N, C-alpha and C. Protein backbone atom coordinates (compact mmCIF):
# COMPACT_ATOMS: atom_id res chain seq x y z
N UNK A 1 15.99 22.13 -58.22
CA UNK A 1 15.53 21.12 -59.08
C UNK A 1 14.73 20.80 -59.10
N UNK A 2 14.06 20.54 -60.58
CA UNK A 2 12.16 20.41 -60.19
C UNK A 2 12.15 18.74 -59.99
N UNK A 3 12.83 18.21 -60.37
CA UNK A 3 12.40 16.98 -61.16
C UNK A 3 14.10 16.09 -61.66
N UNK A 4 14.23 15.27 -61.12
CA UNK A 4 15.49 14.24 -61.14
C UNK A 4 15.35 12.51 -61.40
N UNK A 5 15.85 12.15 -62.28
CA UNK A 5 15.55 10.73 -62.31
C UNK A 5 16.88 9.75 -62.76
N UNK A 6 17.30 8.52 -62.48
CA UNK A 6 18.64 7.71 -62.78
C UNK A 6 18.29 7.69 -64.15
N UNK A 7 19.20 7.38 -65.05
CA UNK A 7 19.21 7.31 -66.24
C UNK A 7 20.41 6.38 -67.03
N UNK A 8 20.67 5.43 -66.77
CA UNK A 8 22.05 4.40 -67.01
C UNK A 8 22.76 5.07 -65.67
N UNK A 9 24.16 5.14 -66.09
CA UNK A 9 24.64 5.50 -65.04
C UNK A 9 25.02 6.83 -64.85
N UNK A 10 23.79 7.54 -65.19
CA UNK A 10 23.67 9.19 -64.55
C UNK A 10 22.63 9.66 -63.89
N UNK A 11 22.42 11.01 -63.26
CA UNK A 11 21.25 11.52 -63.09
C UNK A 11 20.80 12.15 -63.63
N UNK A 12 19.69 12.16 -64.24
CA UNK A 12 19.22 13.53 -65.01
C UNK A 12 18.08 14.77 -64.41
N UNK A 13 18.82 15.89 -64.21
CA UNK A 13 17.86 16.54 -63.39
C UNK A 13 17.25 17.46 -64.19
N UNK A 14 16.22 18.63 -63.78
CA UNK A 14 15.32 19.09 -64.81
C UNK A 14 15.58 20.58 -63.47
N UNK A 15 15.76 21.65 -64.18
CA UNK A 15 15.58 23.04 -63.19
C UNK A 15 14.77 23.57 -64.03
N UNK A 16 14.04 24.25 -62.97
CA UNK A 16 12.65 25.37 -63.23
C UNK A 16 13.46 26.40 -64.18
N UNK A 17 12.48 26.91 -65.06
CA UNK A 17 13.09 27.87 -66.01
C UNK A 17 14.04 27.38 -67.40
N UNK A 18 14.42 25.97 -66.65
CA UNK A 18 15.60 25.78 -68.11
C UNK A 18 14.66 24.82 -68.82
N UNK A 19 13.76 24.98 -69.75
CA UNK A 19 12.97 24.10 -70.48
C UNK A 19 13.12 23.86 -72.05
N UNK A 20 14.24 24.58 -72.68
CA UNK A 20 15.25 24.53 -73.89
C UNK A 20 16.22 24.25 -73.92
N UNK A 21 17.14 23.78 -74.55
CA UNK A 21 18.64 23.86 -74.96
C UNK A 21 18.86 24.85 -74.77
N UNK A 22 18.25 26.05 -75.69
CA UNK A 22 18.55 27.54 -75.75
C UNK A 22 19.10 28.36 -74.22
N UNK A 23 17.80 27.95 -73.47
CA UNK A 23 18.01 28.13 -71.75
C UNK A 23 19.52 27.73 -71.04
N UNK A 24 19.21 26.57 -71.39
CA UNK A 24 20.66 25.78 -71.18
C UNK A 24 21.59 25.90 -71.29
N UNK A 25 22.05 26.97 -72.67
CA UNK A 25 23.73 27.49 -72.59
C UNK A 25 24.19 28.08 -71.57
N UNK A 26 23.03 29.00 -71.13
CA UNK A 26 24.30 30.61 -70.33
C UNK A 26 24.80 29.02 -68.92
N UNK A 27 24.48 28.00 -68.84
CA UNK A 27 24.78 27.31 -67.65
C UNK A 27 25.83 26.35 -68.06
N UNK A 28 26.52 26.02 -68.84
CA UNK A 28 27.08 24.91 -69.87
C UNK A 28 28.72 25.82 -69.16
N UNK A 29 28.90 24.39 -68.51
CA UNK A 29 30.18 24.15 -67.78
C UNK A 29 30.19 25.29 -66.49
N UNK A 30 28.94 25.10 -65.87
CA UNK A 30 28.70 25.51 -64.35
C UNK A 30 28.75 24.30 -63.66
N UNK A 31 29.11 24.59 -62.47
CA UNK A 31 29.07 23.83 -61.22
C UNK A 31 27.88 23.32 -60.43
N UNK A 32 27.30 21.90 -60.77
CA UNK A 32 25.82 22.05 -60.42
C UNK A 32 26.21 20.79 -59.19
N UNK A 33 25.12 21.37 -58.17
CA UNK A 33 25.17 20.77 -56.71
C UNK A 33 24.16 20.45 -56.26
N UNK A 34 23.42 19.35 -55.84
CA UNK A 34 22.80 18.85 -54.66
C UNK A 34 22.82 18.34 -53.82
N UNK A 35 21.98 18.73 -52.68
CA UNK A 35 21.71 17.75 -51.29
C UNK A 35 22.31 16.38 -51.36
N UNK A 36 22.72 16.14 -50.49
CA UNK A 36 23.14 14.32 -50.31
C UNK A 36 21.89 13.89 -50.54
N UNK A 37 20.63 14.34 -49.85
CA UNK A 37 19.53 13.30 -49.14
C UNK A 37 19.00 13.47 -51.13
N UNK A 38 18.91 14.32 -51.72
CA UNK A 38 18.45 13.99 -52.90
C UNK A 38 18.90 12.99 -54.06
N UNK A 39 19.88 12.71 -53.81
CA UNK A 39 20.45 11.52 -54.65
C UNK A 39 19.42 10.56 -54.02
N UNK A 40 19.94 9.63 -55.22
CA UNK A 40 19.30 8.16 -55.38
C UNK A 40 19.92 7.08 -54.24
N UNK A 41 19.23 6.02 -53.59
CA UNK A 41 20.09 5.64 -52.56
C UNK A 41 20.93 4.05 -54.02
N UNK A 42 22.00 3.94 -52.99
CA UNK A 42 23.08 3.27 -53.88
C UNK A 42 22.54 1.69 -53.69
N UNK A 43 22.82 0.73 -54.39
CA UNK A 43 23.03 -0.80 -53.84
C UNK A 43 23.63 -0.94 -53.58
N UNK A 44 23.62 -2.08 -52.04
CA UNK A 44 24.90 -3.22 -51.85
C UNK A 44 25.73 -2.06 -51.92
N UNK A 45 27.10 -2.49 -52.19
CA UNK A 45 28.23 -2.18 -51.90
C UNK A 45 28.60 -1.28 -52.59
N UNK A 46 27.74 -0.26 -53.62
CA UNK A 46 28.18 0.93 -54.29
C UNK A 46 27.84 2.18 -53.74
N UNK A 47 28.83 2.83 -53.66
CA UNK A 47 29.17 4.37 -52.87
C UNK A 47 29.06 5.21 -54.10
N UNK A 48 28.97 6.47 -53.90
CA UNK A 48 29.11 7.67 -54.82
C UNK A 48 30.81 8.11 -54.77
N UNK A 49 31.22 8.22 -55.62
CA UNK A 49 32.78 8.71 -55.92
C UNK A 49 33.15 9.49 -54.85
N UNK A 50 32.06 10.60 -54.99
CA UNK A 50 32.79 11.55 -54.09
C UNK A 50 32.79 10.93 -52.15
N UNK A 51 32.06 9.86 -51.92
CA UNK A 51 32.54 9.51 -50.70
C UNK A 51 33.87 9.30 -50.07
N UNK A 52 34.39 8.33 -51.43
CA UNK A 52 35.81 7.84 -51.47
C UNK A 52 36.62 9.34 -51.16
N UNK A 53 36.71 10.05 -51.68
CA UNK A 53 37.28 11.45 -51.10
C UNK A 53 37.69 11.34 -49.49
N UNK A 54 39.08 11.18 -48.62
CA UNK A 54 39.10 11.56 -47.51
C UNK A 54 39.01 9.68 -47.25
N UNK A 55 39.03 8.63 -47.74
CA UNK A 55 39.15 7.61 -46.78
C UNK A 55 40.62 7.35 -46.85
N UNK A 56 40.53 7.26 -45.98
CA UNK A 56 41.93 6.25 -45.42
C UNK A 56 42.02 4.75 -46.06
N UNK A 57 43.06 4.75 -46.70
CA UNK A 57 43.46 3.34 -47.45
C UNK A 57 44.59 2.90 -46.87
N UNK A 58 44.57 1.66 -46.40
CA UNK A 58 45.52 0.55 -46.10
C UNK A 58 45.44 -1.12 -46.65
N UNK A 59 46.49 -1.55 -46.58
CA UNK A 59 46.18 -3.09 -47.24
C UNK A 59 45.75 -4.21 -46.29
N UNK A 60 45.59 -5.27 -46.53
CA UNK A 60 44.78 -6.34 -46.16
C UNK A 60 45.77 -6.28 -44.69
N UNK A 61 46.98 -6.22 -44.65
CA UNK A 61 48.34 -6.56 -43.56
C UNK A 61 47.96 -5.33 -43.02
N UNK A 62 47.69 -4.12 -43.31
CA UNK A 62 47.30 -3.05 -41.83
C UNK A 62 48.28 -2.22 -42.21
N UNK A 63 48.84 -2.16 -43.89
CA UNK A 63 49.71 -0.98 -43.72
C UNK A 63 49.43 -0.09 -44.67
N UNK A 64 49.04 1.18 -44.16
CA UNK A 64 48.90 2.28 -44.56
C UNK A 64 49.31 3.14 -45.88
N UNK A 65 48.50 3.20 -46.60
CA UNK A 65 49.14 3.80 -47.65
C UNK A 65 48.60 5.08 -48.10
N UNK A 66 47.95 5.27 -47.92
CA UNK A 66 47.54 7.11 -48.15
C UNK A 66 45.81 7.25 -48.10
N UNK A 67 45.93 8.32 -48.19
CA UNK A 67 44.70 9.20 -48.51
C UNK A 67 44.05 9.04 -49.93
N UNK A 68 43.07 8.81 -50.05
CA UNK A 68 41.83 9.34 -51.14
C UNK A 68 41.88 10.47 -51.36
N UNK A 69 42.15 10.99 -52.59
CA UNK A 69 41.97 12.29 -52.97
C UNK A 69 41.45 12.97 -54.49
N UNK A 70 40.83 11.69 -55.18
CA UNK A 70 40.47 11.67 -56.32
C UNK A 70 39.96 10.38 -56.94
N UNK A 71 38.51 10.50 -57.59
CA UNK A 71 38.18 9.31 -58.19
C UNK A 71 38.19 9.91 -59.38
N UNK A 72 39.20 8.84 -60.44
CA UNK A 72 38.81 9.19 -61.97
C UNK A 72 37.60 7.95 -62.64
N UNK A 73 36.58 8.72 -62.99
CA UNK A 73 35.57 7.51 -63.53
C UNK A 73 36.26 7.62 -65.32
N UNK A 74 36.95 6.33 -65.24
CA UNK A 74 37.18 5.59 -66.29
C UNK A 74 36.84 4.66 -67.16
N UNK A 75 36.63 4.42 -68.40
CA UNK A 75 35.89 3.56 -68.98
C UNK A 75 36.02 2.47 -68.42
N UNK A 76 37.22 1.57 -68.13
CA UNK A 76 36.93 -0.05 -67.56
C UNK A 76 36.72 -0.05 -65.89
N UNK A 77 36.73 1.16 -65.27
CA UNK A 77 36.41 1.01 -63.98
C UNK A 77 36.75 2.44 -63.40
N UNK A 78 36.42 2.72 -61.96
CA UNK A 78 37.09 4.04 -61.32
C UNK A 78 38.55 3.99 -60.80
N UNK A 79 39.31 4.52 -60.81
CA UNK A 79 40.44 4.91 -60.13
C UNK A 79 40.49 5.67 -59.16
N UNK A 80 40.81 5.12 -58.20
CA UNK A 80 41.15 5.93 -57.02
C UNK A 80 42.84 6.89 -56.74
N UNK A 81 42.99 7.91 -56.70
CA UNK A 81 44.50 8.80 -56.78
C UNK A 81 44.27 9.07 -55.34
N UNK A 82 45.42 7.98 -54.87
CA UNK A 82 45.66 7.87 -53.38
C UNK A 82 47.40 8.64 -52.94
N UNK A 83 47.22 9.73 -52.21
CA UNK A 83 48.03 10.77 -51.71
C UNK A 83 48.91 9.82 -50.38
N UNK A 84 50.15 9.26 -51.35
CA UNK A 84 50.87 8.58 -50.00
C UNK A 84 51.75 9.55 -49.35
N UNK A 85 51.45 8.51 -47.87
CA UNK A 85 52.50 9.91 -46.45
C UNK A 85 54.02 10.75 -47.25
N UNK A 86 54.17 10.13 -47.98
CA UNK A 86 55.50 10.64 -48.64
C UNK A 86 55.23 11.52 -49.84
N UNK A 87 53.82 11.77 -50.12
CA UNK A 87 53.97 12.82 -50.98
C UNK A 87 53.70 12.75 -52.40
N UNK A 88 53.99 11.53 -52.40
CA UNK A 88 53.97 10.48 -53.85
C UNK A 88 52.20 10.48 -54.73
N UNK A 89 51.76 9.93 -55.45
CA UNK A 89 50.87 9.46 -55.80
C UNK A 89 50.74 7.71 -56.26
N UNK A 90 49.79 7.26 -55.64
CA UNK A 90 49.12 5.85 -55.67
C UNK A 90 47.97 5.86 -56.91
N UNK A 91 47.78 5.30 -57.89
CA UNK A 91 46.53 4.97 -58.71
C UNK A 91 45.96 3.55 -58.18
N UNK A 92 45.10 3.70 -57.83
CA UNK A 92 44.86 1.93 -57.29
C UNK A 92 42.95 1.62 -57.87
N UNK A 93 43.07 0.90 -58.70
CA UNK A 93 41.74 0.20 -59.60
C UNK A 93 40.69 -0.33 -58.41
N UNK A 94 39.42 0.72 -58.75
CA UNK A 94 38.43 0.06 -58.04
C UNK A 94 37.40 -0.70 -58.75
N UNK A 95 38.19 -2.17 -58.15
CA UNK A 95 37.59 -3.49 -58.30
C UNK A 95 37.86 -4.12 -57.50
N UNK A 96 36.49 -5.06 -57.55
CA UNK A 96 36.56 -6.16 -56.38
C UNK A 96 37.76 -7.19 -56.18
N UNK A 97 38.98 -7.09 -56.90
CA UNK A 97 39.96 -7.93 -56.61
C UNK A 97 40.81 -7.06 -55.96
N UNK A 98 40.97 -6.23 -55.94
CA UNK A 98 41.50 -4.88 -55.27
C UNK A 98 41.04 -4.31 -53.81
N UNK A 99 39.73 -3.18 -54.78
CA UNK A 99 39.16 -2.88 -52.89
C UNK A 99 38.11 -4.09 -52.31
N UNK A 100 39.08 -4.41 -51.18
CA UNK A 100 38.65 -5.84 -50.13
C UNK A 100 36.87 -4.96 -49.38
N UNK A 101 37.13 -3.60 -48.88
CA UNK A 101 35.91 -3.49 -48.04
C UNK A 101 36.13 -1.45 -48.07
N UNK A 102 34.99 -1.26 -47.74
CA UNK A 102 34.61 -0.05 -47.99
C UNK A 102 33.88 0.67 -46.54
N UNK A 103 34.54 0.86 -45.67
CA UNK A 103 33.88 1.55 -44.17
C UNK A 103 33.76 2.94 -44.51
N UNK A 104 32.32 3.17 -44.67
CA UNK A 104 32.22 5.09 -44.78
C UNK A 104 32.42 5.85 -43.34
N UNK A 105 31.85 4.33 -42.65
CA UNK A 105 31.29 5.36 -40.70
C UNK A 105 32.87 5.47 -40.64
N UNK A 106 33.78 4.52 -40.42
CA UNK A 106 35.35 4.73 -39.81
C UNK A 106 36.46 5.15 -41.15
N UNK A 107 35.56 5.50 -42.21
CA UNK A 107 36.27 6.44 -42.87
C UNK A 107 37.79 5.60 -43.58
N UNK A 108 37.30 4.36 -44.14
CA UNK A 108 38.68 3.64 -44.24
C UNK A 108 38.31 2.30 -45.37
N UNK A 109 39.09 2.02 -46.47
CA UNK A 109 39.27 1.01 -46.74
C UNK A 109 40.48 0.07 -47.35
N UNK A 110 40.00 -0.54 -47.22
CA UNK A 110 40.96 -2.22 -47.18
C UNK A 110 41.04 -2.73 -48.63
N UNK A 111 42.64 -2.60 -48.73
CA UNK A 111 42.53 -3.05 -50.34
C UNK A 111 43.40 -4.18 -50.12
N UNK A 112 43.89 -5.55 -51.19
CA UNK A 112 44.50 -6.45 -51.47
C UNK A 112 45.32 -6.31 -52.68
N UNK A 113 46.60 -5.27 -52.93
CA UNK A 113 47.37 -4.26 -54.14
C UNK A 113 47.71 -6.19 -55.05
N UNK A 114 47.06 -5.70 -56.21
CA UNK A 114 47.64 -6.84 -57.26
C UNK A 114 49.29 -6.55 -57.89
N UNK A 115 49.98 -7.41 -58.09
CA UNK A 115 51.24 -7.23 -58.31
C UNK A 115 51.83 -6.31 -59.57
N UNK A 116 52.56 -5.86 -58.86
CA UNK A 116 53.02 -4.32 -59.93
C UNK A 116 52.28 -2.97 -59.43
N UNK A 117 50.85 -3.23 -58.70
CA UNK A 117 50.59 -1.92 -58.29
C UNK A 117 51.26 -1.10 -57.20
N UNK A 118 52.15 -1.39 -56.31
CA UNK A 118 52.68 -0.59 -55.08
C UNK A 118 54.14 -0.45 -56.08
N UNK A 119 54.36 -1.10 -56.79
CA UNK A 119 55.99 -0.69 -57.38
C UNK A 119 55.96 0.75 -58.33
N UNK A 120 57.80 1.22 -57.62
CA UNK A 120 57.66 3.06 -58.46
C UNK A 120 57.66 2.75 -60.06
């Protein structure tokens, strides 16, 4: 990577030897990874989607709901796919009214489920 810069909700990167769209064609569909230190810092209470994977999720009352397996980036907001202890999946919208606290150090998130969220 020779250059990186934020652009809206994305991170634009430039790679050495990739100077035209034709140069880019062979890389379409490839997985690109960068070191954590190369990412721009997050603001305030923001985290990167990959940082949520593996978080234990519990309610305000302390009930363990499961572990974040994936973050879906949807138009309205992100949604965590949480694997429950019984193997079922729970979808949790990542919005301030629901996700009350994220503690990356302890790898735990606290949520306040909205009505209907926990129903099968």
